[in-house]
Amino acid sequence: MADVLLLTSAAGGPAQVLPALGLLAHRVRVLPLEPAALLDSPGCDVVVLDARRDLVAARTTCRLLRTTGLAVPLVLVLTEGGLTAVNAAWGADDVILENASPAEVETRLRLVVERAAARDDAPEEISSGELTIDAGGYTARLRGHPLDLTYKEFELLKYLVQHPGRVFTRAQLLHEVWGYDYYGGTRTVDVHVRRLRAKLGPESEQLIGTVRNVGYRFDPPRAPREPGLRRGQFGVHGPAQEPTDDAADLRRTDRRDPRGTFDDQPAGLRNAGATTGRSHLTPPAG
């Protein structure tokens, strides 16, 4: 059972706006169709907005609710003729026809509430390289500078970043970001991707990759290669090893000069051997 807030200017409450809602076990509160009514309203799980009669007022109210930070799902009640007027810019999470059955109304309300709960469980801030997305604040930053994104551009970028490396078809993105009831074509996805790349700029537009004949994916930036690595340092036999001091001493000790002296003898001993014509280690003849 959910707490439903119904915004409508019609008299009669839920029975007039969405008859099936009155047959369900949800707690329904009715307020006038204006954003100011939400200021003193109690908390709710979903807002249902009556958009059957005045589409212009409904669209204005939807946009105001989104820009003022509405944190719960927004569902529109429409006539069949009003479906063609609704688009992604409204910011609604779902739509319901006024004559929908109780089973359909229950399912749609349950799904939007569950999706909202899943978003709340997700991390508020998502980072990938120099790109940071604040899901709660609906803001995105690149190298510390804010990106001027529309609502759907933000939602599309956020969805791609949440699934790095995964390829989505245009139809999948249309359903996940715009909703299953969106009547536009997949060309909408191409337009929004093109705008996103333009706003990311030439240095970062490759973050949104195209998979030919399939769709799009988010390509996270690759970590820079560790400096100072040389060829052969990490070969088949492992990292190259520097000789130990003992091994170096052994090689130094084993090197002799033509006169039979050690290379590392003091200069005085080497000179003495050279003067007598024999090694200082050779005993004198008796």
C-alpha atoms as a PDB file:
ATOM      1  CA  MET A   1       0.000   0.000   0.000  1.00  0.00           C
ATOM      2  CA  ALA A   2       1.386   3.366  -1.066  1.00  0.00           C
ATOM      3  CA  ASP A   3       0.704   6.963  -0.093  1.00  0.00           C
ATOM      4  CA  VAL A   4      -0.622   8.659  -3.236  1.00  0.00           C
ATOM      5  CA  LEU A   5      -0.909  12.416  -3.656  1.00  0.00           C
ATOM      6  CA  LEU A   6      -3.446  13.338  -6.341  1.00  0.00           C
ATOM      7  CA  LEU A   7      -3.172  16.807  -7.882  1.00  0.00           C
ATOM      8  CA  THR A   8      -6.394  17.826  -9.626  1.00  0.00           C
ATOM      9  CA  SER A   9      -8.681  20.789 -10.146  1.00  0.00           C
ATOM     10  CA  ALA A  10     -11.702  18.572 -10.730  1.00  0.00           C
ATOM     11  CA  ALA A  11     -14.341  18.006  -8.089  1.00  0.00           C
ATOM     12  CA  GLY A  12     -15.064  14.443  -7.018  1.00  0.00           C
ATOM     13  CA  GLY A  13     -11.560  13.301  -6.143  1.00  0.00           C
ATOM     14  CA  PRO A  14     -10.153   9.960  -7.319  1.00  0.00           C
ATOM     15  CA  ALA A  15     -13.531   8.631  -8.412  1.00  0.00           C
ATOM     16  CA  GLN A  16     -13.773  11.378 -11.017  1.00  0.00           C
ATOM     17  CA  VAL A  17     -10.131  11.479 -12.146  1.00  0.00           C
ATOM     18  CA  LEU A  18      -9.089   7.821 -12.023  1.00  0.00           C
ATOM     19  CA  PRO A  19     -11.956   5.565 -10.957  1.00  0.00           C
ATOM     20  CA  ALA A  20      -9.771   2.471 -10.618  1.00  0.00           C
ATOM     21  CA  LEU A  21      -7.650   4.218  -7.981  1.00  0.00           C
ATOM     22  CA  GLY A  22     -10.611   4.356  -5.628  1.00  0.00           C
ATOM     23  CA  LEU A  23     -10.946   0.573  -5.809  1.00  0.00           C
ATOM     24  CA  LEU A  24      -7.403  -0.023  -4.565  1.00  0.00           C
ATOM     25  CA  ALA A  25      -6.062  -0.051  -1.018  1.00  0.00           C
ATOM     26  CA  HIS A  26      -3.737   2.938  -1.411  1.00  0.00           C
ATOM     27  CA  ARG A  27      -4.037   5.981   0.833  1.00  0.00           C
ATOM     28  CA  VAL A  28      -5.013   8.886  -1.428  1.00  0.00           C
ATOM     29  CA  ARG A  29      -4.819  12.594  -0.556  1.00  0.00           C
ATOM     30  CA  VAL A  30      -6.210  15.228  -2.943  1.00  0.00           C
ATOM     31  CA  LEU A  31      -4.674  18.701  -3.435  1.00  0.00           C
ATOM     32  CA  PRO A  32      -5.236  21.477  -6.004  1.00  0.00           C
ATOM     33  CA  LEU A  33      -3.303  21.292  -9.263  1.00  0.00           C
ATOM     34  CA  GLU A  34      -0.569  23.803  -8.420  1.00  0.00           C
ATOM     35  CA  PRO A  35       3.026  23.409  -7.223  1.00  0.00           C
ATOM     36  CA  ALA A  36       2.470  25.599  -4.164  1.00  0.00           C
ATOM     37  CA  ALA A  37       0.095  22.968  -2.799  1.00  0.00           C
ATOM     38  CA  LEU A  38       3.054  20.651  -2.254  1.00  0.00           C
ATOM     39  CA  LEU A  39       4.806  23.009   0.128  1.00  0.00           C
ATOM     40  CA  ASP A  40       2.731  22.035   3.162  1.00  0.00           C
ATOM     41  CA  SER A  41       1.663  18.613   1.922  1.00  0.00           C
ATOM     42  CA  PRO A  42       2.539  15.449   3.866  1.00  0.00           C
ATOM     43  CA  GLY A  43       5.073  13.009   2.481  1.00  0.00           C
ATOM     44  CA  CYS A  44       3.999  10.595  -0.217  1.00  0.00           C
ATOM     45  CA  ASP A  45       5.329   7.721  -2.315  1.00  0.00           C
ATOM     46  CA  VAL A  46       4.020   8.926  -5.673  1.00  0.00           C
ATOM     47  CA  VAL A  47       2.375  12.013  -7.155  1.00  0.00           C
ATOM     48  CA  VAL A  48      -0.511  11.474  -9.587  1.00  0.00           C
ATOM     49  CA  LEU A  49      -1.273  14.536 -11.697  1.00  0.00           C
ATOM     50  CA  ASP A  50      -4.547  15.071 -13.507  1.00  0.00           C
ATOM     51  CA  ALA A  51      -3.655  16.052 -17.079  1.00  0.00           C
ATOM     52  CA  ARG A  52      -6.942  15.098 -18.745  1.00  0.00           C
ATOM     53  CA  ARG A  53      -8.409  18.530 -19.382  1.00  0.00           C
ATOM     54  CA  ASP A  54      -5.719  21.241 -19.356  1.00  0.00           C
ATOM     55  CA  LEU A  55      -2.542  19.928 -20.969  1.00  0.00           C
ATOM     56  CA  VAL A  56      -0.774  23.298 -20.870  1.00  0.00           C
ATOM     57  CA  ALA A  57      -1.302  23.713 -17.131  1.00  0.00           C
ATOM     58  CA  ALA A  58      -0.320  20.089 -16.549  1.00  0.00           C
ATOM     59  CA  ARG A  59       2.917  20.486 -18.506  1.00  0.00           C
ATOM     60  CA  THR A  60       3.812  23.693 -16.651  1.00  0.00           C
ATOM     61  CA  THR A  61       3.147  22.039 -13.310  1.00  0.00           C
ATOM     62  CA  CYS A  62       5.225  18.992 -14.237  1.00  0.00           C
ATOM     63  CA  ARG A  63       8.219  21.120 -15.170  1.00  0.00           C
ATOM     64  CA  LEU A  64       7.939  23.223 -12.037  1.00  0.00           C
ATOM     65  CA  LEU A  65       7.767  20.120  -9.872  1.00  0.00           C
ATOM     66  CA  ARG A  66      10.924  18.734 -11.458  1.00  0.00           C
ATOM     67  CA  THR A  67      12.884  21.955 -11.278  1.00  0.00           C
ATOM     68  CA  THR A  68      11.970  22.406  -7.604  1.00  0.00           C
ATOM     69  CA  GLY A  69      13.382  18.987  -6.780  1.00  0.00           C
ATOM     70  CA  LEU A  70      10.453  16.576  -6.641  1.00  0.00           C
ATOM     71  CA  ALA A  71      11.974  13.420  -5.149  1.00  0.00           C
ATOM     72  CA  VAL A  72       9.134  10.948  -5.771  1.00  0.00           C
ATOM     73  CA  PRO A  73       7.747   9.486  -9.016  1.00  0.00           C
ATOM     74  CA  LEU A  74       5.343  11.602 -11.057  1.00  0.00           C
ATOM     75  CA  VAL A  75       2.522   9.866 -12.942  1.00  0.00           C
ATOM     76  CA  LEU A  76       0.144  11.582 -15.380  1.00  0.00           C
ATOM     77  CA  VAL A  77      -3.521  10.715 -15.872  1.00  0.00           C
ATOM     78  CA  LEU A  78      -4.444  11.330 -19.511  1.00  0.00           C
ATOM     79  CA  THR A  79      -7.154  10.810 -22.046  1.00  0.00           C
ATOM     80  CA  GLU A  80      -6.227   8.793 -25.112  1.00  0.00           C
ATOM     81  CA  GLY A  81      -6.048  11.976 -27.170  1.00  0.00           C
ATOM     82  CA  GLY A  82      -3.619  13.556 -24.725  1.00  0.00           C
ATOM     83  CA  LEU A  83      -1.003  10.841 -25.199  1.00  0.00           C
ATOM     84  CA  THR A  84       0.311  12.477 -28.350  1.00  0.00           C
ATOM     85  CA  ALA A  85       1.074  15.737 -26.523  1.00  0.00           C
ATOM     86  CA  VAL A  86       3.301  14.256 -23.809  1.00  0.00           C
ATOM     87  CA  ASN A  87       7.040  14.045 -24.369  1.00  0.00           C
ATOM     88  CA  ALA A  88      10.208  13.578 -22.341  1.00  0.00           C
ATOM     89  CA  ALA A  89      10.472  17.290 -21.519  1.00  0.00           C
ATOM     90  CA  TRP A  90       7.470  16.959 -19.206  1.00  0.00           C
ATOM     91  CA  GLY A  91       9.574  14.964 -16.735  1.00  0.00           C
ATOM     92  CA  ALA A  92       6.870  12.406 -15.942  1.00  0.00           C
ATOM     93  CA  ASP A  93       7.846   8.884 -14.893  1.00  0.00           C
ATOM     94  CA  ASP A  94       4.769   7.183 -16.345  1.00  0.00           C
ATOM     95  CA  VAL A  95       1.296   7.805 -17.766  1.00  0.00           C
ATOM     96  CA  ILE A  96      -2.062   6.168 -17.079  1.00  0.00           C
ATOM     97  CA  LEU A  97      -5.240   6.420 -19.136  1.00  0.00           C
ATOM     98  CA  GLU A  98      -8.233   7.633 -17.155  1.00  0.00           C
ATOM     99  CA  ASN A  99     -10.184   4.449 -17.919  1.00  0.00           C
ATOM    100  CA  ALA A 100      -7.366   2.041 -16.974  1.00  0.00           C
ATOM    101  CA  SER A 101      -8.304  -1.091 -15.063  1.00  0.00           C
ATOM    102  CA  PRO A 102      -7.471  -1.501 -11.358  1.00  0.00           C
ATOM    103  CA  ALA A 103      -4.850  -4.138 -12.226  1.00  0.00           C
ATOM    104  CA  GLU A 104      -3.072  -1.782 -14.627  1.00  0.00           C
ATOM    105  CA  VAL A 105      -3.154   1.136 -12.191  1.00  0.00           C
ATOM    106  CA  GLU A 106      -1.809  -1.063  -9.395  1.00  0.00           C
ATOM    107  CA  THR A 107       1.001  -2.398 -11.589  1.00  0.00           C
ATOM    108  CA  ARG A 108       2.090   0.998 -12.878  1.00  0.00           C
ATOM    109  CA  LEU A 109       2.123   2.578  -9.423  1.00  0.00           C
ATOM    110  CA  ARG A 110       4.039  -0.362  -7.981  1.00  0.00           C
ATOM    111  CA  LEU A 111       6.670  -0.237 -10.738  1.00  0.00           C
ATOM    112  CA  VAL A 112       7.368   3.489 -10.453  1.00  0.00           C
ATOM    113  CA  VAL A 113       7.675   3.225  -6.665  1.00  0.00           C
ATOM    114  CA  GLU A 114      10.056   0.253  -6.958  1.00  0.00           C
ATOM    115  CA  ARG A 115      12.194   2.025  -9.562  1.00  0.00           C
ATOM    116  CA  ALA A 116      12.389   5.081  -7.325  1.00  0.00           C
ATOM    117  CA  ALA A 117      13.473   2.915  -4.389  1.00  0.00           C
ATOM    118  CA  ALA A 118      16.180   1.324  -6.559  1.00  0.00           C
ATOM    119  CA  ARG A 119      17.458   4.786  -7.503  1.00  0.00           C
ATOM    120  CA  ASP A 120      17.572   5.768  -3.837  1.00  0.00           C
ATOM    121  CA  ASP A 121      19.715   2.725  -3.058  1.00  0.00           C
ATOM    122  CA  ALA A 122      22.168   3.623  -5.824  1.00  0.00           C
ATOM    123  CA  PRO A 123      25.144   5.833  -4.896  1.00  0.00           C
ATOM    124  CA  GLU A 124      24.331   9.543  -5.052  1.00  0.00           C
ATOM    125  CA  GLU A 125      27.573  10.407  -6.820  1.00  0.00           C
ATOM    126  CA  ILE A 126      29.032   8.464  -9.718  1.00  0.00           C
ATOM    127  CA  SER A 127      32.557   9.182 -10.908  1.00  0.00           C
ATOM    128  CA  SER A 128      34.458   7.985 -13.942  1.00  0.00           C
ATOM    129  CA  GLY A 129      37.757   9.675 -14.597  1.00  0.00           C
ATOM    130  CA  GLU A 130      37.159  13.419 -14.744  1.00  0.00           C
ATOM    131  CA  LEU A 131      33.380  13.007 -15.106  1.00  0.00           C
ATOM    132  CA  THR A 132      31.266  13.233 -11.933  1.00  0.00           C
ATOM    133  CA  ILE A 133      27.499  12.774 -11.794  1.00  0.00           C
ATOM    134  CA  ASP A 134      25.406  13.772  -8.782  1.00  0.00           C
ATOM    135  CA  ALA A 135      22.265  11.669  -9.159  1.00  0.00           C
ATOM    136  CA  GLY A 136      20.483  13.367  -6.267  1.00  0.00           C
ATOM    137  CA  GLY A 137      21.250  16.898  -7.383  1.00  0.00           C
ATOM    138  CA  TYR A 138      20.736  16.221 -11.112  1.00  0.00           C
ATOM    139  CA  THR A 139      24.097  17.778 -11.926  1.00  0.00           C
ATOM    140  CA  ALA A 140      27.104  16.588 -13.917  1.00  0.00           C
ATOM    141  CA  ARG A 141      30.636  17.963 -13.883  1.00  0.00           C
ATOM    142  CA  LEU A 142      33.555  17.422 -16.232  1.00  0.00           C
ATOM    143  CA  ARG A 143      36.995  18.395 -14.946  1.00  0.00           C
ATOM    144  CA  GLY A 144      35.229  20.380 -12.227  1.00  0.00           C
ATOM    145  CA  HIS A 145      33.082  22.407 -14.638  1.00  0.00           C
ATOM    146  CA  PRO A 146      29.283  21.908 -14.654  1.00  0.00           C
ATOM    147  CA  LEU A 147      27.630  20.548 -17.797  1.00  0.00           C
ATOM    148  CA  ASP A 148      24.488  22.309 -18.989  1.00  0.00           C
ATOM    149  CA  LEU A 149      22.276  19.251 -19.625  1.00  0.00           C
ATOM    150  CA  THR A 150      18.561  18.864 -20.145  1.00  0.00           C
ATOM    151  CA  TYR A 151      16.675  16.391 -17.974  1.00  0.00           C
ATOM    152  CA  LYS A 152      16.770  13.581 -20.528  1.00  0.00           C
ATOM    153  CA  GLU A 153      20.370  14.281 -21.512  1.00  0.00           C
ATOM    154  CA  PHE A 154      21.279  13.918 -17.845  1.00  0.00           C
ATOM    155  CA  GLU A 155      19.263  10.705 -17.464  1.00  0.00           C
ATOM    156  CA  LEU A 156      20.821   9.215 -20.593  1.00  0.00           C
ATOM    157  CA  LEU A 157      24.366  10.071 -19.504  1.00  0.00           C
ATOM    158  CA  LYS A 158      23.731   8.755 -15.994  1.00  0.00           C
ATOM    159  CA  TYR A 159      22.304   5.482 -17.286  1.00  0.00           C
ATOM    160  CA  LEU A 160      25.272   4.886 -19.590  1.00  0.00           C
ATOM    161  CA  VAL A 161      27.819   5.738 -16.889  1.00  0.00           C
ATOM    162  CA  GLN A 162      26.088   3.335 -14.479  1.00  0.00           C
ATOM    163  CA  HIS A 163      26.782   0.493 -16.943  1.00  0.00           C
ATOM    164  CA  PRO A 164      30.322   1.115 -18.245  1.00  0.00           C
ATOM    165  CA  GLY A 165      31.335  -0.954 -21.255  1.00  0.00           C
ATOM    166  CA  ARG A 166      27.858  -2.423 -21.780  1.00  0.00           C
ATOM    167  CA  VAL A 167      26.352  -1.960 -25.220  1.00  0.00           C
ATOM    168  CA  PHE A 168      22.710  -0.841 -25.428  1.00  0.00           C
ATOM    169  CA  THR A 169      20.563  -0.792 -28.523  1.00  0.00           C
ATOM    170  CA  ARG A 170      18.656   2.367 -29.304  1.00  0.00           C
ATOM    171  CA  ALA A 171      15.406   0.603 -28.415  1.00  0.00           C
ATOM    172  CA  GLN A 172      16.785  -0.428 -25.017  1.00  0.00           C
ATOM    173  CA  LEU A 173      17.884   3.112 -24.231  1.00  0.00           C
ATOM    174  CA  LEU A 174      14.548   4.465 -25.386  1.00  0.00           C
ATOM    175  CA  HIS A 175      12.697   2.110 -23.036  1.00  0.00           C
ATOM    176  CA  GLU A 176      15.021   2.569 -20.054  1.00  0.00           C
ATOM    177  CA  VAL A 177      15.402   6.338 -20.208  1.00  0.00           C
ATOM    178  CA  TRP A 178      12.220   7.553 -21.893  1.00  0.00           C
ATOM    179  CA  GLY A 179       9.881   4.782 -20.703  1.00  0.00           C
ATOM    180  CA  TYR A 180       7.880   2.119 -22.431  1.00  0.00           C
ATOM    181  CA  ASP A 181       5.030   4.495 -23.160  1.00  0.00           C
ATOM    182  CA  TYR A 182       7.140   6.919 -25.171  1.00  0.00           C
ATOM    183  CA  TYR A 183       5.813   7.059 -28.705  1.00  0.00           C
ATOM    184  CA  GLY A 184       8.816   8.668 -30.373  1.00  0.00           C
ATOM    185  CA  GLY A 185      11.237   6.774 -32.582  1.00  0.00           C
ATOM    186  CA  THR A 186      14.754   5.609 -31.844  1.00  0.00           C
ATOM    187  CA  ARG A 187      16.067   8.636 -33.731  1.00  0.00           C
ATOM    188  CA  THR A 188      15.497  10.503 -30.466  1.00  0.00           C
ATOM    189  CA  VAL A 189      18.378   8.559 -28.917  1.00  0.00           C
ATOM    190  CA  ASP A 190      20.743   9.555 -31.741  1.00  0.00           C
ATOM    191  CA  VAL A 191      19.839  13.225 -31.324  1.00  0.00           C
ATOM    192  CA  HIS A 192      20.459  13.174 -27.569  1.00  0.00           C
ATOM    193  CA  VAL A 193      23.767  11.314 -27.969  1.00  0.00           C
ATOM    194  CA  ARG A 194      24.917  13.893 -30.510  1.00  0.00           C
ATOM    195  CA  ARG A 195      24.024  16.726 -28.131  1.00  0.00           C
ATOM    196  CA  LEU A 196      25.741  14.986 -25.226  1.00  0.00           C
ATOM    197  CA  ARG A 197      28.958  14.564 -27.202  1.00  0.00           C
ATOM    198  CA  ALA A 198      28.896  18.225 -28.179  1.00  0.00           C
ATOM    199  CA  LYS A 199      28.554  19.266 -24.546  1.00  0.00           C
ATOM    200  CA  LEU A 200      31.301  16.886 -23.415  1.00  0.00           C
ATOM    201  CA  GLY A 201      33.638  18.560 -25.900  1.00  0.00           C
ATOM    202  CA  PRO A 202      36.203  17.187 -28.356  1.00  0.00           C
ATOM    203  CA  GLU A 203      38.492  15.903 -25.595  1.00  0.00           C
ATOM    204  CA  SER A 204      35.780  13.761 -23.947  1.00  0.00           C
ATOM    205  CA  GLU A 205      33.195  13.028 -26.646  1.00  0.00           C
ATOM    206  CA  GLN A 206      34.718   9.545 -27.082  1.00  0.00           C
ATOM    207  CA  LEU A 207      33.353   8.609 -23.647  1.00  0.00           C
ATOM    208  CA  ILE A 208      30.125   7.734 -25.446  1.00  0.00           C
ATOM    209  CA  GLY A 209      31.146   5.117 -27.974  1.00  0.00           C
ATOM    210  CA  THR A 210      29.211   3.902 -30.990  1.00  0.00           C
ATOM    211  CA  VAL A 211      28.995   0.203 -31.784  1.00  0.00           C
ATOM    212  CA  ARG A 212      28.145   0.058 -35.451  1.00  0.00           C
ATOM    213  CA  ASN A 213      24.782  -1.491 -36.296  1.00  0.00           C
ATOM    214  CA  VAL A 214      24.107  -2.093 -32.577  1.00  0.00           C
ATOM    215  CA  GLY A 215      23.951   1.031 -30.413  1.00  0.00           C
ATOM    216  CA  TYR A 216      25.928   2.960 -27.818  1.00  0.00           C
ATOM    217  CA  ARG A 217      28.041   2.344 -24.729  1.00  0.00           C
ATOM    218  CA  PHE A 218      29.993   4.312 -22.165  1.00  0.00           C
ATOM    219  CA  ASP A 219      33.747   3.854 -22.576  1.00  0.00           C
ATOM    220  CA  PRO A 220      35.423   4.803 -19.279  1.00  0.00           C
ATOM    221  CA  PRO A 221      38.780   6.533 -19.625  1.00  0.00           C
ATOM    222  CA  ARG A 222      41.768   4.205 -19.455  1.00  0.00           C
ATOM    223  CA  ALA A 223      44.201   4.568 -16.594  1.00  0.00           C
ATOM    224  CA  PRO A 224      47.517   6.087 -17.715  1.00  0.00           C
ATOM    225  CA  ARG A 225      50.427   3.679 -18.099  1.00  0.00           C
ATOM    226  CA  GLU A 226      52.799   3.614 -15.157  1.00  0.00           C
ATOM    227  CA  PRO A 227      55.863   5.745 -15.974  1.00  0.00           C
ATOM    228  CA  GLY A 228      59.384   4.370 -16.007  1.00  0.00           C
ATOM    229  CA  LEU A 229      58.643   0.897 -17.367  1.00  0.00           C
ATOM    230  CA  ARG A 230      61.192  -0.353 -19.866  1.00  0.00           C
ATOM    231  CA  ARG A 231      60.969  -3.142 -22.345  1.00  0.00           C
ATOM    232  CA  GLY A 232      62.069  -6.386 -20.771  1.00  0.00           C
ATOM    233  CA  GLN A 233      61.346  -5.281 -17.215  1.00  0.00           C
ATOM    234  CA  PHE A 234      58.362  -7.579 -17.056  1.00  0.00           C
ATOM    235  CA  GLY A 235      59.172 -10.362 -19.491  1.00  0.00           C
ATOM    236  CA  VAL A 236      58.591 -14.087 -19.341  1.00  0.00           C
ATOM    237  CA  HIS A 237      61.164 -14.517 -16.591  1.00  0.00           C
ATOM    238  CA  GLY A 238      59.771 -11.755 -14.412  1.00  0.00           C
ATOM    239  CA  PRO A 239      61.192  -8.363 -13.556  1.00  0.00           C
ATOM    240  CA  ALA A 240      64.808  -7.738 -14.400  1.00  0.00           C
ATOM    241  CA  GLN A 241      66.942  -8.039 -11.281  1.00  0.00           C
ATOM    242  CA  GLU A 242      69.802  -5.745 -10.416  1.00  0.00           C
ATOM    243  CA  PRO A 243      72.923  -7.623  -9.271  1.00  0.00           C
ATOM    244  CA  THR A 244      73.377  -7.839  -5.531  1.00  0.00           C
ATOM    245  CA  ASP A 245      76.393  -6.348  -3.826  1.00  0.00           C
ATOM    246  CA  ASP A 246      77.794  -9.829  -3.112  1.00  0.00           C
ATOM    247  CA  ALA A 247      77.603 -10.874  -6.749  1.00  0.00           C
ATOM    248  CA  ALA A 248      79.228  -7.635  -7.843  1.00  0.00           C
ATOM    249  CA  ASP A 249      82.060  -8.119  -5.343  1.00  0.00           C
ATOM    250  CA  LEU A 250      82.583 -11.689  -6.560  1.00  0.00           C
ATOM    251  CA  ARG A 251      82.932 -10.565 -10.158  1.00  0.00           C
ATOM    252  CA  ARG A 252      85.185  -7.724  -9.171  1.00  0.00           C
ATOM    253  CA  THR A 253      87.404 -10.079  -7.152  1.00  0.00           C
ATOM    254  CA  ASP A 254      87.630 -12.580  -9.961  1.00  0.00           C
ATOM    255  CA  ARG A 255      89.007 -10.067 -12.463  1.00  0.00           C
ATOM    256  CA  ARG A 256      92.826  -9.981 -12.645  1.00  0.00           C
ATOM    257  CA  ASP A 257      95.088  -7.721 -14.602  1.00  0.00           C
ATOM    258  CA  PRO A 258      97.850  -9.080 -16.870  1.00  0.00           C
ATOM    259  CA  ARG A 259     100.422  -8.721 -14.145  1.00  0.00           C
ATOM    260  CA  GLY A 260      98.560 -11.055 -11.802  1.00  0.00           C
ATOM    261  CA  THR A 261      97.278  -8.396  -9.406  1.00  0.00           C
ATOM    262  CA  PHE A 262      93.667  -7.984  -8.322  1.00  0.00           C
ATOM    263  CA  ASP A 263      91.765  -5.158  -9.918  1.00  0.00           C
ATOM    264  CA  ASP A 264      90.597  -3.901  -6.586  1.00  0.00           C
ATOM    265  CA  GLN A 265      93.955  -3.838  -4.827  1.00  0.00           C
ATOM    266  CA  PRO A 266      95.191  -0.514  -3.524  1.00  0.00           C
ATOM    267  CA  ALA A 267      97.216   1.428  -6.047  1.00  0.00           C
ATOM    268  CA  GLY A 268     100.345   1.200  -3.911  1.00  0.00           C
ATOM    269  CA  LEU A 269     100.356  -2.607  -3.948  1.00  0.00           C
ATOM    270  CA  ARG A 270      99.728  -2.736  -7.680  1.00  0.00           C
ATOM    271  CA  ASN A 271     102.624  -0.336  -8.318  1.00  0.00           C
ATOM    272  CA  ALA A 272     104.931  -2.339  -6.062  1.00  0.00           C
ATOM    273  CA  GLY A 273     104.210  -5.503  -7.985  1.00  0.00           C
ATOM    274  CA  ALA A 274     104.849  -3.744 -11.230  1.00  0.00           C
ATOM    275  CA  THR A 275     108.260  -2.489 -10.003  1.00  0.00           C
ATOM    276  CA  THR A 276     109.562  -5.897  -8.875  1.00  0.00           C
ATOM    277  CA  GLY A 277     108.143  -7.626 -11.930  1.00  0.00           C
ATOM    278  CA  ARG A 278     106.227 -10.157  -9.834  1.00  0.00           C
ATOM    279  CA  SER A 279     103.005 -10.315  -7.887  1.00  0.00           C
ATOM    280  CA  HIS A 280     103.093  -9.269  -4.270  1.00  0.00           C
ATOM    281  CA  LEU A 281     101.636 -12.694  -3.510  1.00  0.00           C
ATOM    282  CA  THR A 282     104.668 -14.553  -4.958  1.00  0.00           C
ATOM    283  CA  PRO A 283     107.259 -15.303  -2.230  1.00  0.00           C
ATOM    284  CA  PRO A 284     110.836 -14.020  -2.979  1.00  0.00           C
ATOM    285  CA  ALA A 285     113.414 -16.535  -4.191  1.00  0.00           C
ATOM    286  CA  GLY A 286     115.694 -17.840  -1.439  1.00  0.00           C
END
